[in-house]
Amino acid sequence: MTNKNNTVIYIGVTSDLLKRVCQHKTKTYKGFTSKYNCDKLVYFEEFSDINKAIIREKQLKSGNRKRKENLINSENS
């Protein structure tokens, strides 16, 4: 997720993407995404195993911003 100016990148895991995006858009929970107005979904991956999803989340979070931007742009061009 990102904000309207694409200056912040948020990475997370959920079992219900539509519900979670709605929560971000309505700022249901106070935290990083509400503080930085991250309410635009720009990339997602689906997994059938939550453990694999968490491993991928950690992998993405450990990468630098340029790698994250390249991944987002490769899927949205």
C-alpha atoms as a PDB file:
ATOM      1  CA  MET A   1       0.000   0.000   0.000  1.00  0.00           C
ATOM      2  CA  THR A   2       1.080   3.557  -0.537  1.00  0.00           C
ATOM      3  CA  ASN A   3      -0.206   7.092  -0.144  1.00  0.00           C
ATOM      4  CA  LYS A   4      -1.545   9.387  -2.872  1.00  0.00           C
ATOM      5  CA  ASN A   5       1.932  10.735  -3.670  1.00  0.00           C
ATOM      6  CA  ASN A   6       3.570   7.273  -3.657  1.00  0.00           C
ATOM      7  CA  THR A   7       6.119   8.444  -1.081  1.00  0.00           C
ATOM      8  CA  VAL A   8       5.511   5.680   1.481  1.00  0.00           C
ATOM      9  CA  ILE A   9       5.423   1.902   0.990  1.00  0.00           C
ATOM     10  CA  TYR A  10       3.615  -0.336   3.488  1.00  0.00           C
ATOM     11  CA  ILE A  11       3.858  -4.131   3.364  1.00  0.00           C
ATOM     12  CA  GLY A  12       1.608  -6.433   5.367  1.00  0.00           C
ATOM     13  CA  VAL A  13      -0.127  -9.812   5.473  1.00  0.00           C
ATOM     14  CA  THR A  14      -3.852 -10.505   5.689  1.00  0.00           C
ATOM     15  CA  SER A  15      -6.261 -13.370   5.153  1.00  0.00           C
ATOM     16  CA  ASP A  16      -8.925 -11.027   3.712  1.00  0.00           C
ATOM     17  CA  LEU A  17      -7.515  -8.486   1.266  1.00  0.00           C
ATOM     18  CA  LEU A  18     -10.739  -6.622   0.473  1.00  0.00           C
ATOM     19  CA  LYS A  19     -11.590  -6.199   4.144  1.00  0.00           C
ATOM     20  CA  ARG A  20      -8.057  -5.051   4.989  1.00  0.00           C
ATOM     21  CA  VAL A  21      -7.942  -2.505   2.157  1.00  0.00           C
ATOM     22  CA  CYS A  22     -11.261  -1.120   3.393  1.00  0.00           C
ATOM     23  CA  GLN A  23      -9.810  -0.858   6.902  1.00  0.00           C
ATOM     24  CA  HIS A  24      -6.837   1.092   5.563  1.00  0.00           C
ATOM     25  CA  LYS A  25      -9.068   3.416   3.520  1.00  0.00           C
ATOM     26  CA  THR A  26     -11.316   4.166   6.501  1.00  0.00           C
ATOM     27  CA  LYS A  27      -8.389   4.325   8.966  1.00  0.00           C
ATOM     28  CA  THR A  28     -10.100   1.773  11.195  1.00  0.00           C
ATOM     29  CA  TYR A  29      -6.917   1.184  13.179  1.00  0.00           C
ATOM     30  CA  LYS A  30      -4.438   3.827  14.261  1.00  0.00           C
ATOM     31  CA  GLY A  31      -0.956   2.930  13.149  1.00  0.00           C
ATOM     32  CA  PHE A  32       1.523   3.298  10.310  1.00  0.00           C
ATOM     33  CA  THR A  33      -0.979   3.306   7.460  1.00  0.00           C
ATOM     34  CA  SER A  34      -3.322   5.815   9.078  1.00  0.00           C
ATOM     35  CA  LYS A  35      -0.418   8.056  10.143  1.00  0.00           C
ATOM     36  CA  TYR A  36       1.050   8.135   6.633  1.00  0.00           C
ATOM     37  CA  ASN A  37      -2.284   7.951   4.760  1.00  0.00           C
ATOM     38  CA  CYS A  38      -1.498   4.665   3.029  1.00  0.00           C
ATOM     39  CA  ASP A  39      -4.784   3.746   1.413  1.00  0.00           C
ATOM     40  CA  LYS A  40      -3.880   2.849  -2.168  1.00  0.00           C
ATOM     41  CA  LEU A  41      -3.241  -0.798  -3.024  1.00  0.00           C
ATOM     42  CA  VAL A  42      -0.448  -1.000  -5.594  1.00  0.00           C
ATOM     43  CA  TYR A  43       0.650  -4.636  -5.375  1.00  0.00           C
ATOM     44  CA  PHE A  44      -0.361  -7.942  -3.823  1.00  0.00           C
ATOM     45  CA  GLU A  45       0.522 -11.615  -3.921  1.00  0.00           C
ATOM     46  CA  GLU A  46      -1.684 -14.561  -2.971  1.00  0.00           C
ATOM     47  CA  PHE A  47      -0.586 -17.579  -0.940  1.00  0.00           C
ATOM     48  CA  SER A  48      -2.468 -20.665   0.203  1.00  0.00           C
ATOM     49  CA  ASP A  49      -0.093 -21.096   3.163  1.00  0.00           C
ATOM     50  CA  ILE A  50       0.111 -18.270   5.750  1.00  0.00           C
ATOM     51  CA  ASN A  51       3.637 -19.301   6.727  1.00  0.00           C
ATOM     52  CA  LYS A  52       4.844 -18.828   3.148  1.00  0.00           C
ATOM     53  CA  ALA A  53       3.069 -15.468   3.046  1.00  0.00           C
ATOM     54  CA  ILE A  54       4.873 -14.343   6.200  1.00  0.00           C
ATOM     55  CA  ILE A  55       8.224 -15.464   4.801  1.00  0.00           C
ATOM     56  CA  ARG A  56       7.534 -13.457   1.632  1.00  0.00           C
ATOM     57  CA  GLU A  57       6.447 -10.418   3.680  1.00  0.00           C
ATOM     58  CA  LYS A  58       9.744 -10.482   5.585  1.00  0.00           C
ATOM     59  CA  GLN A  59      11.667 -10.889   2.341  1.00  0.00           C
ATOM     60  CA  LEU A  60       9.943  -7.876   0.810  1.00  0.00           C
ATOM     61  CA  LYS A  61      10.367  -5.753   3.936  1.00  0.00           C
ATOM     62  CA  SER A  62      14.100  -6.489   4.022  1.00  0.00           C
ATOM     63  CA  GLY A  63      14.568  -5.237   0.460  1.00  0.00           C
ATOM     64  CA  ASN A  64      15.472  -1.681  -0.384  1.00  0.00           C
ATOM     65  CA  ARG A  65      12.985   0.838  -1.742  1.00  0.00           C
ATOM     66  CA  LYS A  66      14.241   0.559  -5.342  1.00  0.00           C
ATOM     67  CA  ARG A  67      13.591  -3.214  -5.373  1.00  0.00           C
ATOM     68  CA  LYS A  68      10.082  -2.633  -4.022  1.00  0.00           C
ATOM     69  CA  GLU A  69       9.386   0.056  -6.625  1.00  0.00           C
ATOM     70  CA  ASN A  70      10.668  -2.197  -9.420  1.00  0.00           C
ATOM     71  CA  LEU A  71       8.385  -5.020  -8.277  1.00  0.00           C
ATOM     72  CA  ILE A  72       5.372  -2.698  -8.102  1.00  0.00           C
ATOM     73  CA  ASN A  73       6.145  -1.142 -11.487  1.00  0.00           C
ATOM     74  CA  SER A  74       6.699  -4.534 -13.163  1.00  0.00           C
ATOM     75  CA  GLU A  75       3.134  -5.534 -12.305  1.00  0.00           C
ATOM     76  CA  ASN A  76       1.517  -2.162 -12.981  1.00  0.00           C
ATOM     77  CA  SER A  77       3.017  -1.097 -16.292  1.00  0.00           C
END
